[in-house]
Amino acid sequence: MMQVSETQWSTQEHEIAKAAFDKAYAREVDTLVRTVNQQASEINNIADLWRLHDFLSARRHTLDGKYDARESALIFVFSELVKEGWLNLAELEGLAPAKLSKIAALTRIM
């Protein structure tokens, strides 16, 4: 069985992974921008402003931690993104079957 830390990525898989990674990131950022626009339109006082600031700080921390492009992390990153709905397994087609299988399995247990 392939160990996640020993996973090798072909040139084609790098391209597929980068496209999927970028697509998921763009989707999540677009959703965040819409959410922030909505929340900003509802600011009526300083407490609302600080709530938005805190929300943005937390989201930045979450996004910075989630989108880890290191090869050793990609299986886990893609599993989380599929589980959260930012990607689907079909968008990862072209990755080695063992990688797809590992990602699918991890989405069920994470």
N, C-alpha and C. Protein backbone atom coordinates (compact mmCIF):
# COMPACT_ATOMS: atom_id res chain seq x y z
N MET A 1 0.84 -1.19 0.00
CA MET A 1 0.00 0.00 0.00
C MET A 1 0.88 1.24 0.00
N MET A 2 0.47 2.26 -0.74
CA MET A 2 1.23 3.49 -0.86
C MET A 2 1.10 4.32 0.42
N GLN A 3 2.21 4.74 0.96
CA GLN A 3 2.21 5.64 2.10
C GLN A 3 2.05 7.05 1.58
N VAL A 4 1.24 7.86 2.27
CA VAL A 4 0.99 9.22 1.81
C VAL A 4 2.28 10.00 1.71
N SER A 5 3.19 9.84 2.67
CA SER A 5 4.43 10.60 2.65
C SER A 5 5.36 10.17 1.52
N GLU A 6 5.12 9.00 0.92
CA GLU A 6 5.96 8.49 -0.15
C GLU A 6 5.33 8.69 -1.52
N THR A 7 4.24 9.40 -1.59
CA THR A 7 3.52 9.59 -2.83
C THR A 7 4.34 10.41 -3.81
N GLN A 8 4.48 9.89 -5.02
CA GLN A 8 5.17 10.59 -6.10
C GLN A 8 4.12 11.17 -7.04
N TRP A 9 4.40 12.33 -7.57
CA TRP A 9 3.47 13.02 -8.46
C TRP A 9 4.11 13.20 -9.82
N SER A 10 3.44 12.73 -10.87
CA SER A 10 3.94 12.90 -12.23
C SER A 10 3.69 14.35 -12.67
N THR A 11 4.27 14.72 -13.78
CA THR A 11 4.07 16.07 -14.32
C THR A 11 2.59 16.31 -14.60
N GLN A 12 1.93 15.32 -15.19
CA GLN A 12 0.50 15.45 -15.49
C GLN A 12 -0.31 15.60 -14.20
N GLU A 13 0.05 14.82 -13.19
CA GLU A 13 -0.66 14.91 -11.91
C GLU A 13 -0.43 16.26 -11.25
N HIS A 14 0.76 16.82 -11.40
CA HIS A 14 1.02 18.16 -10.87
C HIS A 14 0.07 19.17 -11.51
N GLU A 15 -0.11 19.06 -12.81
CA GLU A 15 -0.99 19.98 -13.54
C GLU A 15 -2.44 19.81 -13.08
N ILE A 16 -2.88 18.58 -12.95
CA ILE A 16 -4.25 18.30 -12.50
C ILE A 16 -4.43 18.82 -11.07
N ALA A 17 -3.46 18.55 -10.22
CA ALA A 17 -3.54 18.99 -8.82
C ALA A 17 -3.57 20.50 -8.72
N LYS A 18 -2.72 21.18 -9.49
CA LYS A 18 -2.69 22.65 -9.43
C LYS A 18 -4.01 23.24 -9.90
N ALA A 19 -4.55 22.70 -10.98
CA ALA A 19 -5.83 23.21 -11.49
C ALA A 19 -6.94 22.99 -10.47
N ALA A 20 -6.98 21.82 -9.86
CA ALA A 20 -8.02 21.53 -8.86
C ALA A 20 -7.83 22.39 -7.63
N PHE A 21 -6.61 22.52 -7.17
CA PHE A 21 -6.28 23.34 -6.00
C PHE A 21 -6.73 24.78 -6.24
N ASP A 22 -6.34 25.33 -7.39
CA ASP A 22 -6.69 26.72 -7.72
C ASP A 22 -8.20 26.91 -7.86
N LYS A 23 -8.88 25.92 -8.44
CA LYS A 23 -10.33 26.00 -8.61
C LYS A 23 -11.03 26.02 -7.25
N ALA A 24 -10.62 25.14 -6.36
CA ALA A 24 -11.23 25.09 -5.03
C ALA A 24 -10.98 26.39 -4.28
N TYR A 25 -9.75 26.88 -4.34
CA TYR A 25 -9.40 28.12 -3.65
C TYR A 25 -10.26 29.28 -4.18
N ALA A 26 -10.37 29.37 -5.50
CA ALA A 26 -11.18 30.44 -6.10
C ALA A 26 -12.64 30.34 -5.66
N ARG A 27 -13.18 29.14 -5.62
CA ARG A 27 -14.57 28.96 -5.19
C ARG A 27 -14.75 29.42 -3.74
N GLU A 28 -13.82 28.99 -2.89
CA GLU A 28 -13.96 29.35 -1.48
C GLU A 28 -13.77 30.84 -1.27
N VAL A 29 -12.82 31.45 -1.96
CA VAL A 29 -12.60 32.89 -1.84
C VAL A 29 -13.80 33.67 -2.38
N ASP A 30 -14.36 33.24 -3.49
CA ASP A 30 -15.56 33.90 -4.04
C ASP A 30 -16.71 33.86 -3.03
N THR A 31 -16.89 32.73 -2.40
CA THR A 31 -17.94 32.60 -1.38
C THR A 31 -17.65 33.52 -0.20
N LEU A 32 -16.39 33.57 0.21
CA LEU A 32 -16.01 34.44 1.31
C LEU A 32 -16.26 35.91 0.96
N VAL A 33 -15.91 36.32 -0.23
CA VAL A 33 -16.12 37.71 -0.65
C VAL A 33 -17.61 38.06 -0.62
N ARG A 34 -18.44 37.15 -1.11
CA ARG A 34 -19.89 37.41 -1.07
C ARG A 34 -20.38 37.53 0.37
N THR A 35 -19.89 36.65 1.24
CA THR A 35 -20.28 36.69 2.65
C THR A 35 -19.84 37.99 3.30
N VAL A 36 -18.61 38.39 3.03
CA VAL A 36 -18.10 39.63 3.63
C VAL A 36 -18.86 40.84 3.10
N ASN A 37 -19.16 40.86 1.83
CA ASN A 37 -19.96 41.96 1.28
C ASN A 37 -21.30 42.07 1.98
N GLN A 38 -21.93 40.92 2.20
CA GLN A 38 -23.23 40.91 2.89
C GLN A 38 -23.07 41.42 4.32
N GLN A 39 -22.08 40.90 5.03
CA GLN A 39 -21.87 41.31 6.42
C GLN A 39 -21.49 42.79 6.50
N ALA A 40 -20.67 43.25 5.58
CA ALA A 40 -20.26 44.67 5.59
C ALA A 40 -21.45 45.58 5.37
N SER A 41 -22.40 45.14 4.55
CA SER A 41 -23.58 45.98 4.28
C SER A 41 -24.48 46.10 5.51
N GLU A 42 -24.25 45.24 6.50
CA GLU A 42 -25.07 45.24 7.71
C GLU A 42 -24.37 45.87 8.92
N ILE A 43 -23.22 46.51 8.68
CA ILE A 43 -22.50 47.15 9.78
C ILE A 43 -23.23 48.43 10.17
N ASN A 44 -23.60 48.48 11.46
CA ASN A 44 -24.30 49.66 11.98
C ASN A 44 -23.56 50.32 13.14
N ASN A 45 -22.59 49.61 13.70
CA ASN A 45 -21.88 50.17 14.85
C ASN A 45 -20.50 49.53 14.95
N ILE A 46 -19.74 50.00 15.90
CA ILE A 46 -18.36 49.53 16.04
C ILE A 46 -18.31 48.04 16.40
N ALA A 47 -19.27 47.57 17.16
CA ALA A 47 -19.29 46.15 17.51
C ALA A 47 -19.45 45.29 16.26
N ASP A 48 -20.29 45.73 15.34
CA ASP A 48 -20.45 45.01 14.07
C ASP A 48 -19.14 45.00 13.28
N LEU A 49 -18.45 46.11 13.30
CA LEU A 49 -17.18 46.22 12.58
C LEU A 49 -16.15 45.25 13.16
N TRP A 50 -16.05 45.20 14.48
CA TRP A 50 -15.08 44.29 15.11
C TRP A 50 -15.46 42.83 14.90
N ARG A 51 -16.75 42.53 14.85
CA ARG A 51 -17.18 41.16 14.54
C ARG A 51 -16.72 40.76 13.15
N LEU A 52 -16.85 41.68 12.21
CA LEU A 52 -16.40 41.40 10.84
C LEU A 52 -14.88 41.22 10.82
N HIS A 53 -14.19 42.05 11.54
CA HIS A 53 -12.73 41.92 11.63
C HIS A 53 -12.35 40.54 12.20
N ASP A 54 -13.00 40.14 13.27
CA ASP A 54 -12.70 38.84 13.88
C ASP A 54 -13.03 37.70 12.93
N PHE A 55 -14.15 37.82 12.24
CA PHE A 55 -14.54 36.80 11.26
C PHE A 55 -13.47 36.68 10.18
N LEU A 56 -13.02 37.81 9.65
CA LEU A 56 -12.00 37.79 8.59
C LEU A 56 -10.68 37.22 9.10
N SER A 57 -10.31 37.57 10.30
CA SER A 57 -9.06 37.04 10.87
C SER A 57 -9.13 35.52 10.99
N ALA A 58 -10.24 35.03 11.47
CA ALA A 58 -10.42 33.58 11.62
C ALA A 58 -10.42 32.89 10.27
N ARG A 59 -11.10 33.45 9.31
CA ARG A 59 -11.17 32.84 7.97
C ARG A 59 -9.80 32.84 7.30
N ARG A 60 -9.04 33.93 7.49
CA ARG A 60 -7.70 33.97 6.91
C ARG A 60 -6.84 32.85 7.50
N HIS A 61 -6.90 32.69 8.80
CA HIS A 61 -6.15 31.64 9.47
C HIS A 61 -6.56 30.26 8.93
N THR A 62 -7.85 30.04 8.78
CA THR A 62 -8.36 28.77 8.27
C THR A 62 -7.89 28.52 6.83
N LEU A 63 -8.03 29.52 5.98
CA LEU A 63 -7.62 29.35 4.58
C LEU A 63 -6.12 29.14 4.45
N ASP A 64 -5.34 29.91 5.19
CA ASP A 64 -3.89 29.75 5.12
C ASP A 64 -3.46 28.35 5.54
N GLY A 65 -4.15 27.79 6.52
CA GLY A 65 -3.82 26.45 6.97
C GLY A 65 -4.34 25.36 6.05
N LYS A 66 -5.48 25.59 5.47
CA LYS A 66 -6.12 24.56 4.64
C LYS A 66 -5.43 24.37 3.30
N TYR A 67 -5.08 25.45 2.65
CA TYR A 67 -4.53 25.37 1.29
C TYR A 67 -3.01 25.22 1.33
N ASP A 68 -2.60 24.02 1.65
CA ASP A 68 -1.19 23.64 1.74
C ASP A 68 -0.84 22.89 0.45
N ALA A 69 -0.02 23.49 -0.38
CA ALA A 69 0.28 22.93 -1.70
C ALA A 69 1.47 21.97 -1.71
N ARG A 70 2.00 21.66 -0.55
CA ARG A 70 3.11 20.71 -0.51
C ARG A 70 2.63 19.33 -0.97
N GLU A 71 3.45 18.65 -1.76
CA GLU A 71 3.08 17.32 -2.25
C GLU A 71 2.67 16.40 -1.11
N SER A 72 3.38 16.47 -0.02
CA SER A 72 3.10 15.56 1.10
C SER A 72 1.75 15.82 1.75
N ALA A 73 1.16 16.98 1.49
CA ALA A 73 -0.12 17.33 2.10
C ALA A 73 -1.30 17.22 1.15
N LEU A 74 -1.04 17.15 -0.15
CA LEU A 74 -2.13 17.26 -1.13
C LEU A 74 -3.23 16.22 -0.97
N ILE A 75 -2.90 15.00 -0.66
CA ILE A 75 -3.93 13.97 -0.49
C ILE A 75 -4.91 14.42 0.59
N PHE A 76 -4.39 14.91 1.71
CA PHE A 76 -5.23 15.36 2.81
C PHE A 76 -5.99 16.63 2.46
N VAL A 77 -5.33 17.55 1.78
CA VAL A 77 -5.97 18.80 1.36
C VAL A 77 -7.14 18.49 0.43
N PHE A 78 -6.91 17.65 -0.57
CA PHE A 78 -7.98 17.32 -1.50
C PHE A 78 -9.12 16.58 -0.80
N SER A 79 -8.80 15.74 0.14
CA SER A 79 -9.85 15.04 0.90
C SER A 79 -10.73 16.03 1.63
N GLU A 80 -10.11 17.00 2.27
CA GLU A 80 -10.88 18.01 3.00
C GLU A 80 -11.71 18.85 2.04
N LEU A 81 -11.13 19.24 0.91
CA LEU A 81 -11.84 20.07 -0.05
C LEU A 81 -13.03 19.34 -0.66
N VAL A 82 -12.87 18.05 -0.92
CA VAL A 82 -14.00 17.25 -1.44
C VAL A 82 -15.07 17.13 -0.37
N LYS A 83 -14.65 16.83 0.84
CA LYS A 83 -15.62 16.68 1.93
C LYS A 83 -16.41 17.97 2.16
N GLU A 84 -15.74 19.11 2.06
CA GLU A 84 -16.40 20.40 2.28
C GLU A 84 -17.18 20.89 1.07
N GLY A 85 -17.02 20.23 -0.08
CA GLY A 85 -17.78 20.60 -1.27
C GLY A 85 -17.11 21.62 -2.17
N TRP A 86 -15.86 21.95 -1.92
CA TRP A 86 -15.16 22.90 -2.78
C TRP A 86 -14.63 22.23 -4.04
N LEU A 87 -14.51 20.92 -3.99
CA LEU A 87 -14.08 20.11 -5.14
C LEU A 87 -14.94 18.87 -5.18
N ASN A 88 -14.95 18.21 -6.33
CA ASN A 88 -15.54 16.87 -6.38
C ASN A 88 -14.50 15.93 -6.98
N LEU A 89 -14.67 14.66 -6.73
CA LEU A 89 -13.68 13.68 -7.17
C LEU A 89 -13.47 13.70 -8.68
N ALA A 90 -14.50 14.02 -9.44
CA ALA A 90 -14.37 14.06 -10.89
C ALA A 90 -13.35 15.11 -11.33
N GLU A 91 -13.19 16.16 -10.54
CA GLU A 91 -12.23 17.21 -10.89
C GLU A 91 -10.78 16.77 -10.63
N LEU A 92 -10.63 15.63 -10.02
CA LEU A 92 -9.30 15.08 -9.75
C LEU A 92 -8.96 13.92 -10.68
N GLU A 93 -9.86 13.65 -11.64
CA GLU A 93 -9.62 12.57 -12.61
C GLU A 93 -8.29 12.82 -13.31
N GLY A 94 -7.55 11.74 -13.48
CA GLY A 94 -6.23 11.82 -14.07
C GLY A 94 -5.14 11.59 -13.05
N LEU A 95 -5.49 11.72 -11.77
CA LEU A 95 -4.54 11.34 -10.73
C LEU A 95 -4.49 9.82 -10.70
N ALA A 96 -3.42 9.28 -10.20
CA ALA A 96 -3.27 7.83 -10.11
C ALA A 96 -4.44 7.24 -9.32
N PRO A 97 -4.91 6.06 -9.73
CA PRO A 97 -6.03 5.43 -9.02
C PRO A 97 -5.78 5.28 -7.51
N ALA A 98 -4.57 5.01 -7.11
CA ALA A 98 -4.27 4.88 -5.68
C ALA A 98 -4.48 6.21 -4.95
N LYS A 99 -4.14 7.30 -5.59
CA LYS A 99 -4.34 8.62 -4.98
C LYS A 99 -5.84 8.92 -4.86
N LEU A 100 -6.57 8.67 -5.94
CA LEU A 100 -8.01 8.91 -5.92
C LEU A 100 -8.70 8.06 -4.86
N SER A 101 -8.26 6.82 -4.76
CA SER A 101 -8.83 5.92 -3.76
C SER A 101 -8.55 6.42 -2.35
N LYS A 102 -7.34 6.86 -2.11
CA LYS A 102 -6.97 7.39 -0.79
C LYS A 102 -7.78 8.64 -0.47
N ILE A 103 -7.93 9.54 -1.44
CA ILE A 103 -8.71 10.77 -1.24
C ILE A 103 -10.15 10.42 -0.92
N ALA A 104 -10.73 9.51 -1.69
CA ALA A 104 -12.12 9.11 -1.46
C ALA A 104 -12.28 8.49 -0.08
N ALA A 105 -11.36 7.64 0.31
CA ALA A 105 -11.44 6.99 1.62
C ALA A 105 -11.33 8.02 2.74
N LEU A 106 -10.42 8.96 2.58
CA LEU A 106 -10.23 9.97 3.63
C LEU A 106 -11.44 10.90 3.77
N THR A 107 -12.16 11.12 2.68
CA THR A 107 -13.35 11.99 2.78
C THR A 107 -14.41 11.34 3.66
N ARG A 108 -14.38 10.05 3.75
CA ARG A 108 -15.38 9.34 4.58
C ARG A 108 -14.99 9.29 6.05
N ILE A 109 -13.70 9.47 6.35
CA ILE A 109 -13.29 9.35 7.76
C ILE A 109 -12.82 10.65 8.39
N MET A 110 -12.61 11.67 7.60
CA MET A 110 -12.13 12.95 8.15
C MET A 110 -13.25 13.71 8.79
